[in-house]
Amino acid sequence: MMQGLGHGWGMGFGWIIGIIILLVILWLAFRTFRPGDTNQTSPAQKSPFDILKERYAKGEIDKEEFDQRKKDLEE
């Protein structure tokens, strides 16, 4: 008698779990392969001046080196 009750609950909610798993997979696929995601700029799309500014901002180069390299880029 109890066996039928347990079996009924499993069958009743099994499809809901399947739909949830499917939605999670679709959501992950959408986030991973979203076309037109412009928030992340690849290094190939950055200009040399942008890279120079980033290096200066990070403290990798000092002002003197920044100014010299900026001048070299402008030529």
Protein backbone atom coordinates (compact mmCIF):
# COMPACT_ATOMS: atom_id res chain seq x y z
CA MET A 1 0.00 0.00 0.00
CA MET A 2 2.77 2.52 0.86
CA GLN A 3 4.69 1.45 -2.19
CA GLY A 4 2.07 2.92 -4.52
CA LEU A 5 2.18 6.30 -2.77
CA GLY A 6 5.96 6.61 -3.07
CA HIS A 7 5.87 5.58 -6.69
CA GLY A 8 3.23 8.19 -7.48
CA TRP A 9 5.30 11.05 -6.05
CA GLY A 10 8.34 10.02 -8.09
CA MET A 11 6.39 9.89 -11.32
CA GLY A 12 4.60 13.13 -10.60
CA PHE A 13 7.71 15.26 -10.07
CA GLY A 14 10.13 13.47 -12.41
CA TRP A 15 9.14 15.58 -15.40
CA ILE A 16 9.60 18.80 -13.43
CA ILE A 17 13.20 17.86 -12.61
CA GLY A 18 13.76 17.05 -16.28
CA ILE A 19 12.46 20.45 -17.35
CA ILE A 20 14.63 22.20 -14.75
CA ILE A 21 17.73 20.37 -15.98
CA LEU A 22 16.86 21.23 -19.59
CA LEU A 23 16.40 24.91 -18.71
CA VAL A 24 19.73 25.02 -16.88
CA ILE A 25 21.50 23.48 -19.90
CA LEU A 26 19.85 25.96 -22.26
CA TRP A 27 20.74 28.87 -19.97
CA LEU A 28 24.38 27.80 -19.78
CA ALA A 29 24.56 27.36 -23.55
CA PHE A 30 23.06 30.82 -24.09
CA ARG A 31 25.53 32.47 -21.70
CA THR A 32 28.48 30.67 -23.24
CA PHE A 33 27.71 31.12 -26.93
CA ARG A 34 25.90 34.46 -26.91
CA PRO A 35 26.62 36.35 -30.14
CA GLY A 36 27.28 40.05 -29.87
CA ASP A 37 28.73 39.95 -26.36
CA THR A 38 30.68 43.18 -26.48
CA ASN A 39 31.51 43.43 -22.77
CA GLN A 40 34.66 41.38 -23.13
CA THR A 41 37.24 42.79 -25.49
CA SER A 42 39.77 40.33 -26.81
CA PRO A 43 43.41 41.40 -26.92
CA ALA A 44 43.29 41.37 -30.73
CA GLN A 45 40.69 44.17 -30.69
CA LYS A 46 42.70 46.50 -28.45
CA SER A 47 44.77 49.21 -30.02
CA PRO A 48 48.44 49.56 -29.06
CA PHE A 49 47.59 52.80 -27.26
CA ASP A 50 44.89 51.03 -25.21
CA ILE A 51 47.43 48.40 -24.17
CA LEU A 52 49.92 51.14 -23.28
CA LYS A 53 47.32 52.92 -21.13
CA GLU A 54 46.50 49.67 -19.33
CA ARG A 55 50.17 48.99 -18.59
CA TYR A 56 50.57 52.50 -17.20
CA ALA A 57 47.43 52.16 -15.09
CA LYS A 58 48.66 48.85 -13.66
CA GLY A 59 51.99 50.43 -12.75
CA GLU A 60 54.02 48.25 -15.10
CA ILE A 61 55.63 51.34 -16.64
CA ASP A 62 56.34 54.79 -15.26
CA LYS A 63 55.24 58.17 -16.66
CA GLU A 64 58.50 58.75 -18.51
CA GLU A 65 58.28 55.42 -20.32
CA PHE A 66 54.57 55.98 -21.00
CA ASP A 67 55.24 59.38 -22.58
CA GLN A 68 58.09 58.02 -24.70
CA ARG A 69 56.08 55.07 -25.98
CA LYS A 70 53.07 57.28 -26.61
CA LYS A 71 55.27 59.58 -28.68
CA ASP A 72 56.62 56.55 -30.60
CA LEU A 73 53.07 55.41 -31.34
CA GLU A 74 52.01 58.81 -32.64
CA GLU A 75 54.78 58.89 -35.25
